[in-house]
PDB file of N, CA and C in Angstrom:
ATOM      1  N   UNK A   1      82.488 121.025 119.705  1.00  0.00           N
ATOM      2  CA  UNK A   1      83.415 120.408 118.820  1.00  0.00           C
ATOM      3  C   UNK A   1      83.161 119.097 118.686  1.00  0.00           C
ATOM      4  N   UNK A   2      83.087 118.500 117.535  1.00  0.00           N
ATOM      5  CA  UNK A   2      82.813 117.094 117.386  1.00  0.00           C
ATOM      6  C   UNK A   2      83.995 116.272 116.648  1.00  0.00           C
ATOM      7  N   UNK A   3      84.006 115.125 116.524  1.00  0.00           N
ATOM      8  CA  UNK A   3      85.273 114.304 116.100  1.00  0.00           C
ATOM      9  C   UNK A   3      85.339 114.567 114.602  1.00  0.00           C
ATOM     10  N   UNK A   4      84.410 115.128 113.984  1.00  0.00           N
ATOM     11  CA  UNK A   4      84.569 115.391 112.359  1.00  0.00           C
ATOM     12  C   UNK A   4      84.998 116.845 112.145  1.00  0.00           C
ATOM     13  N   UNK A   5      85.105 117.541 113.093  1.00  0.00           N
ATOM     14  CA  UNK A   5      85.391 119.031 113.153  1.00  0.00           C
ATOM     15  C   UNK A   5      86.955 119.206 112.775  1.00  0.00           C
ATOM     16  N   UNK A   6      87.412 119.929 111.769  1.00  0.00           N
ATOM     17  CA  UNK A   6      88.716 120.186 111.403  1.00  0.00           C
ATOM     18  C   UNK A   6      89.648 120.700 112.595  1.00  0.00           C
ATOM     19  N   UNK A   7      88.906 121.355 113.601  1.00  0.00           N
ATOM     20  CA  UNK A   7      89.674 121.939 114.804  1.00  0.00           C
ATOM     21  C   UNK A   7      89.645 120.883 115.943  1.00  0.00           C
ATOM     22  N   UNK A   8      89.060 119.842 115.760  1.00  0.00           N
ATOM     23  CA  UNK A   8      89.126 118.564 116.922  1.00  0.00           C
ATOM     24  C   UNK A   8      90.529 118.215 117.214  1.00  0.00           C
ATOM     25  N   UNK A   9      90.801 118.049 118.406  1.00  0.00           N
ATOM     26  CA  UNK A   9      92.244 117.610 118.644  1.00  0.00           C
ATOM     27  C   UNK A   9      92.432 116.215 118.007  1.00  0.00           C
ATOM     28  N   UNK A  10      93.632 115.969 117.600  1.00  0.00           N
ATOM     29  CA  UNK A  10      93.926 114.730 116.976  1.00  0.00           C
ATOM     30  C   UNK A  10      94.080 113.471 117.968  1.00  0.00           C
ATOM     31  N   UNK A  11      93.660 112.388 117.685  1.00  0.00           N
ATOM     32  CA  UNK A  11      93.907 111.221 118.617  1.00  0.00           C
ATOM     33  C   UNK A  11      95.294 110.929 118.507  1.00  0.00           C
ATOM     34  N   UNK A  12      96.072 111.065 117.332  1.00  0.00           N
ATOM     35  CA  UNK A  12      97.451 110.799 117.048  1.00  0.00           C
ATOM     36  C   UNK A  12      98.159 111.881 116.663  1.00  0.00           C
ATOM     37  N   UNK A  13      98.657 112.580 117.703  1.00  0.00           N
ATOM     38  CA  UNK A  13      99.261 114.009 117.426  1.00  0.00           C
ATOM     39  C   UNK A  13     100.766 113.879 116.586  1.00  0.00           C
ATOM     40  N   UNK A  14     101.286 112.776 116.540  1.00  0.00           N
ATOM     41  CA  UNK A  14     102.522 112.425 115.754  1.00  0.00           C
ATOM     42  C   UNK A  14     102.150 112.191 114.362  1.00  0.00           C
ATOM     43  N   UNK A  15     102.712 113.020 113.342  1.00  0.00           N
ATOM     44  CA  UNK A  15     102.355 112.603 112.088  1.00  0.00           C
ATOM     45  C   UNK A  15     103.216 111.514 111.547  1.00  0.00           C
ATOM     46  N   UNK A  16     102.559 110.772 110.698  1.00  0.00           N
ATOM     47  CA  UNK A  16     103.079 109.684 110.163  1.00  0.00           C
ATOM     48  C   UNK A  16     103.761 110.125 108.707  1.00  0.00           C
ATOM     49  N   UNK A  17     105.179 109.889 108.749  1.00  0.00           N
ATOM     50  CA  UNK A  17     105.729 110.229 107.391  1.00  0.00           C
ATOM     51  C   UNK A  17     105.647 109.175 106.571  1.00  0.00           C
ATOM     52  N   UNK A  18     105.554 109.337 105.235  1.00  0.00           N
ATOM     53  CA  UNK A  18     105.673 108.231 104.297  1.00  0.00           C
ATOM     54  C   UNK A  18     107.071 107.563 104.273  1.00  0.00           C
ATOM     55  N   UNK A  19     107.162 106.115 104.190  1.00  0.00           N
ATOM     56  CA  UNK A  19     108.367 105.545 104.142  1.00  0.00           C
ATOM     57  C   UNK A  19     109.133 105.737 102.769  1.00  0.00           C
ATOM     58  N   UNK A  20     110.309 106.162 102.849  1.00  0.00           N
ATOM     59  CA  UNK A  20     111.067 106.501 101.568  1.00  0.00           C
ATOM     60  C   UNK A  20     112.413 105.683 101.666  1.00  0.00           C
ATOM     61  N   UNK A  21     112.935 105.684 100.452  1.00  0.00           N
ATOM     62  CA  UNK A  21     114.235 104.844 100.305  1.00  0.00           C
ATOM     63  C   UNK A  21     115.388 105.929 100.628  1.00  0.00           C
ATOM     64  N   UNK A  22     116.505 105.450 101.053  1.00  0.00           N
ATOM     65  CA  UNK A  22     117.558 106.243 101.314  1.00  0.00           C
ATOM     66  C   UNK A  22     118.087 106.835 100.109  1.00  0.00           C
ATOM     67  N   UNK A  23     118.686 108.082  99.910  1.00  0.00           N
ATOM     68  CA  UNK A  23     119.271 108.546  98.770  1.00  0.00           C
ATOM     69  C   UNK A  23     120.549 107.663  98.256  1.00  0.00           C
ATOM     70  N   UNK A  24     120.557 107.673  96.913  1.00  0.00           N
ATOM     71  CA  UNK A  24     121.783 107.059  96.247  1.00  0.00           C
ATOM     72  C   UNK A  24     122.955 107.652  96.688  1.00  0.00           C
ATOM     73  N   UNK A  25     124.178 107.138  96.378  1.00  0.00           N
ATOM     74  CA  UNK A  25     125.444 107.817  96.541  1.00  0.00           C
ATOM     75  C   UNK A  25     125.555 109.057  95.498  1.00  0.00           C
ATOM     76  N   UNK A  26     124.921 108.727  94.429  1.00  0.00           N
ATOM     77  CA  UNK A  26     125.014 109.873  93.394  1.00  0.00           C
ATOM     78  C   UNK A  26     124.069 111.042  93.827  1.00  0.00           C
ATOM     79  N   UNK A  27     122.963 110.811  94.358  1.00  0.00           N
ATOM     80  CA  UNK A  27     122.166 111.747  94.877  1.00  0.00           C
ATOM     81  C   UNK A  27     122.770 112.513  96.151  1.00  0.00           C
ATOM     82  N   UNK A  28     123.380 111.758  96.933  1.00  0.00           N
ATOM     83  CA  UNK A  28     124.099 112.425  98.042  1.00  0.00           C
ATOM     84  C   UNK A  28     125.397 113.311  97.577  1.00  0.00           C
ATOM     85  N   UNK A  29     126.019 112.886  96.555  1.00  0.00           N
ATOM     86  CA  UNK A  29     127.149 113.568  95.928  1.00  0.00           C
ATOM     87  C   UNK A  29     126.619 114.899  95.460  1.00  0.00           C
ATOM     88  N   UNK A  30     125.489 114.921  94.552  1.00  0.00           N
ATOM     89  CA  UNK A  30     124.963 116.080  94.027  1.00  0.00           C
ATOM     90  C   UNK A  30     124.436 116.936  95.093  1.00  0.00           C
ATOM     91  N   UNK A  31     123.746 116.675  96.146  1.00  0.00           N
ATOM     92  CA  UNK A  31     123.345 117.459  97.276  1.00  0.00           C
ATOM     93  C   UNK A  31     124.610 118.154  97.919  1.00  0.00           C
ATOM     94  N   UNK A  32     125.630 117.532  98.222  1.00  0.00           N
ATOM     95  CA  UNK A  32     126.701 118.100  98.807  1.00  0.00           C
ATOM     96  C   UNK A  32     127.299 119.254  97.859  1.00  0.00           C
ATOM     97  N   UNK A  33     127.366 118.922  96.620  1.00  0.00           N
ATOM     98  CA  UNK A  33     127.790 119.843  95.630  1.00  0.00           C
ATOM     99  C   UNK A  33     126.975 121.095  95.505  1.00  0.00           C
ATOM    100  N   UNK A  34     125.573 120.804  95.532  1.00  0.00           N
ATOM    101  CA  UNK A  34     124.759 121.864  95.529  1.00  0.00           C
ATOM    102  C   UNK A  34     124.676 122.875  96.578  1.00  0.00           C
ATOM    103  N   UNK A  35     124.955 122.165  97.832  1.00  0.00           N
ATOM    104  CA  UNK A  35     125.017 122.882  99.162  1.00  0.00           C
ATOM    105  C   UNK A  35     126.432 123.818  99.081  1.00  0.00           C
ATOM    106  N   UNK A  36     127.484 123.132  98.642  1.00  0.00           N
ATOM    107  CA  UNK A  36     128.624 123.814  98.600  1.00  0.00           C
ATOM    108  C   UNK A  36     128.769 124.992  97.576  1.00  0.00           C
ATOM    109  N   UNK A  37     128.007 124.919  96.528  1.00  0.00           N
ATOM    110  CA  UNK A  37     127.972 125.948  95.564  1.00  0.00           C
ATOM    111  C   UNK A  37     126.968 127.131  96.076  1.00  0.00           C
ATOM    112  N   UNK A  38     126.019 126.792  96.979  1.00  0.00           N
ATOM    113  CA  UNK A  38     125.073 127.869  97.411  1.00  0.00           C
ATOM    114  C   UNK A  38     125.487 128.424  98.760  1.00  0.00           C
ATOM    115  N   UNK A  39     126.128 127.938  99.494  1.00  0.00           N
ATOM    116  CA  UNK A  39     126.564 128.403 100.826  1.00  0.00           C
ATOM    117  C   UNK A  39     127.383 129.682 100.572  1.00  0.00           C
ATOM    118  N   UNK A  40     127.240 130.643 101.585  1.00  0.00           N
ATOM    119  CA  UNK A  40     127.903 131.869 101.627  1.00  0.00           C
ATOM    120  C   UNK A  40     129.520 131.596 101.850  1.00  0.00           C
ATOM    121  N   UNK A  41     129.718 130.795 102.683  1.00  0.00           N
ATOM    122  CA  UNK A  41     131.133 130.533 102.970  1.00  0.00           C
ATOM    123  C   UNK A  41     131.380 129.094 103.640  1.00  0.00           C
ATOM    124  N   UNK A  42     132.515 128.781 103.910  1.00  0.00           N
ATOM    125  CA  UNK A  42     132.904 127.406 104.311  1.00  0.00           C
ATOM    126  C   UNK A  42     132.233 127.082 105.618  1.00  0.00           C
ATOM    127  N   UNK A  43     132.083 127.894 106.578  1.00  0.00           N
ATOM    128  CA  UNK A  43     131.342 127.641 107.910  1.00  0.00           C
ATOM    129  C   UNK A  43     129.926 127.231 107.651  1.00  0.00           C
ATOM    130  N   UNK A  44     129.303 128.171 106.727  1.00  0.00           N
ATOM    131  CA  UNK A  44     127.936 127.716 106.482  1.00  0.00           C
ATOM    132  C   UNK A  44     127.578 126.438 105.728  1.00  0.00           C
ATOM    133  N   UNK A  45     128.546 126.266 104.787  1.00  0.00           N
ATOM    134  CA  UNK A  45     128.471 124.934 104.044  1.00  0.00           C
ATOM    135  C   UNK A  45     128.665 123.754 105.044  1.00  0.00           C
ATOM    136  N   UNK A  46     129.569 123.880 106.023  1.00  0.00           N
ATOM    137  CA  UNK A  46     129.946 122.823 106.958  1.00  0.00           C
ATOM    138  C   UNK A  46     128.503 122.603 107.910  1.00  0.00           C
ATOM    139  N   UNK A  47     127.974 123.699 108.396  1.00  0.00           N
ATOM    140  CA  UNK A  47     126.878 123.584 109.151  1.00  0.00           C
ATOM    141  C   UNK A  47     125.635 122.970 108.476  1.00  0.00           C
ATOM    142  N   UNK A  48     125.494 123.316 107.108  1.00  0.00           N
ATOM    143  CA  UNK A  48     124.409 122.655 106.297  1.00  0.00           C
ATOM    144  C   UNK A  48     124.699 121.275 106.209  1.00  0.00           C
ATOM    145  N   UNK A  49     125.769 120.983 105.668  1.00  0.00           N
ATOM    146  CA  UNK A  49     126.001 119.517 105.475  1.00  0.00           C
ATOM    147  C   UNK A  49     125.920 118.714 106.787  1.00  0.00           C
ATOM    148  N   UNK A  50     126.343 119.233 107.978  1.00  0.00           N
ATOM    149  CA  UNK A  50     126.140 118.509 109.212  1.00  0.00           C
ATOM    150  C   UNK A  50     124.617 118.445 109.584  1.00  0.00           C
ATOM    151  N   UNK A  51     123.934 119.495 109.317  1.00  0.00           N
ATOM    152  CA  UNK A  51     122.455 119.382 109.504  1.00  0.00           C
ATOM    153  C   UNK A  51     121.844 118.314 108.775  1.00  0.00           C
ATOM    154  N   UNK A  52     122.231 118.091 107.508  1.00  0.00           N
ATOM    155  CA  UNK A  52     121.607 117.119 106.602  1.00  0.00           C
ATOM    156  C   UNK A  52     122.319 115.831 106.835  1.00  0.00           C
ATOM    157  N   UNK A  53     123.131 115.548 107.549  1.00  0.00           N
ATOM    158  CA  UNK A  53     123.894 114.368 107.816  1.00  0.00           C
ATOM    159  C   UNK A  53     124.654 113.973 106.524  1.00  0.00           C
ATOM    160  N   UNK A  54     125.293 114.940 105.964  1.00  0.00           N
ATOM    161  CA  UNK A  54     126.113 114.768 104.764  1.00  0.00           C
ATOM    162  C   UNK A  54     127.546 115.047 105.123  1.00  0.00           C
ATOM    163  N   UNK A  55     128.641 114.589 104.490  1.00  0.00           N
ATOM    164  CA  UNK A  55     129.959 114.887 104.598  1.00  0.00           C
ATOM    165  C   UNK A  55     130.581 115.355 103.506  1.00  0.00           C
ATOM    166  N   UNK A  56     131.524 116.261 103.482  1.00  0.00           N
ATOM    167  CA  UNK A  56     132.142 116.904 102.313  1.00  0.00           C
ATOM    168  C   UNK A  56     132.676 115.804 101.434  1.00  0.00           C
ATOM    169  N   UNK A  57     133.213 114.684 102.018  1.00  0.00           N
ATOM    170  CA  UNK A  57     133.809 113.703 101.246  1.00  0.00           C
ATOM    171  C   UNK A  57     132.940 113.119 100.071  1.00  0.00           C
ATOM    172  N   UNK A  58     131.577 113.090 100.548  1.00  0.00           N
ATOM    173  CA  UNK A  58     130.576 112.499  99.610  1.00  0.00           C
ATOM    174  C   UNK A  58     130.368 113.437  98.423  1.00  0.00           C
ATOM    175  N   UNK A  59     130.969 114.649  98.208  1.00  0.00           N
ATOM    176  CA  UNK A  59     130.876 115.488  97.069  1.00  0.00           C
ATOM    177  C   UNK A  59     132.001 115.185  96.113  1.00  0.00           C
ATOM    178  N   UNK A  60     132.902 114.363  96.633  1.00  0.00           N
ATOM    179  CA  UNK A  60     133.946 114.274  95.598  1.00  0.00           C
ATOM    180  C   UNK A  60     133.553 112.871  94.726  1.00  0.00           C
ATOM    181  N   UNK A  61     133.841 113.104  93.390  1.00  0.00           N
ATOM    182  CA  UNK A  61     133.525 112.133  92.541  1.00  0.00           C
ATOM    183  C   UNK A  61     134.508 111.087  92.629  1.00  0.00           C
ATOM    184  N   UNK A  62     134.042 109.861  92.370  1.00  0.00           N
ATOM    185  CA  UNK A  62     135.126 108.569  92.273  1.00  0.00           C
ATOM    186  C   UNK A  62     135.658 108.524  90.858  1.00  0.00           C
ATOM    187  N   UNK A  63     137.041 108.809  90.715  1.00  0.00           N
ATOM    188  CA  UNK A  63     137.692 108.942  89.377  1.00  0.00           C
ATOM    189  C   UNK A  63     137.226 107.976  88.378  1.00  0.00           C
ATOM    190  N   UNK A  64     137.015 106.585  88.837  1.00  0.00           N
ATOM    191  CA  UNK A  64     136.721 105.597  87.903  1.00  0.00           C
ATOM    192  C   UNK A  64     135.201 105.837  87.333  1.00  0.00           C
ATOM    193  N   UNK A  65     134.484 106.575  88.055  1.00  0.00           N
ATOM    194  CA  UNK A  65     133.070 106.720  87.606  1.00  0.00           C
ATOM    195  C   UNK A  65     132.693 108.113  87.002  1.00  0.00           C
ATOM    196  N   UNK A  66     133.811 108.918  87.091  1.00  0.00           N
ATOM    197  CA  UNK A  66     133.680 110.273  86.332  1.00  0.00           C
ATOM    198  C   UNK A  66     134.069 110.069  84.886  1.00  0.00           C
ATOM    199  N   UNK A  67     133.463 110.870  83.903  1.00  0.00           N
ATOM    200  CA  UNK A  67     133.823 110.782  82.491  1.00  0.00           C
ATOM    201  C   UNK A  67     135.240 111.387  82.340  1.00  0.00           C
ATOM    202  N   UNK A  68     136.002 110.703  81.385  1.00  0.00           N
ATOM    203  CA  UNK A  68     137.384 111.212  81.293  1.00  0.00           C
ATOM    204  C   UNK A  68     137.252 112.543  80.359  1.00  0.00           C
ATOM    205  N   UNK A  69     138.444 113.185  80.382  1.00  0.00           N
ATOM    206  CA  UNK A  69     138.638 114.515  79.569  1.00  0.00           C
ATOM    207  C   UNK A  69     137.978 114.253  78.052  1.00  0.00           C
ATOM    208  N   UNK A  70     138.472 113.249  77.519  1.00  0.00           N
ATOM    209  CA  UNK A  70     138.284 112.934  76.086  1.00  0.00           C
ATOM    210  C   UNK A  70     136.786 112.626  75.815  1.00  0.00           C
ATOM    211  N   UNK A  71     136.045 112.225  76.854  1.00  0.00           N
ATOM    212  CA  UNK A  71     134.711 111.784  76.800  1.00  0.00           C
ATOM    213  C   UNK A  71     133.767 113.159  76.685  1.00  0.00           C
ATOM    214  N   UNK A  72     134.265 114.273  77.097  1.00  0.00           N
ATOM    215  CA  UNK A  72     133.406 115.446  77.217  1.00  0.00           C
ATOM    216  C   UNK A  72     133.330 116.131  75.842  1.00  0.00           C
TER     217      UNK A  72
END
């Protein structure tokens, strides 16, 4: 086995992940709502949100930022 072999052990076993920006509040809100709609029950929803570092409150819209009924 040589250094150029695809099966050679890596000198740096920890993968380097690309640096990304934190999701916006709107992205987090949409993620919470998507998880809630796809979860089988409340327990599963809570577990998924916890695993992703999200809270149920993030899924609620801020009334001043939501379109009013007449705008729909």
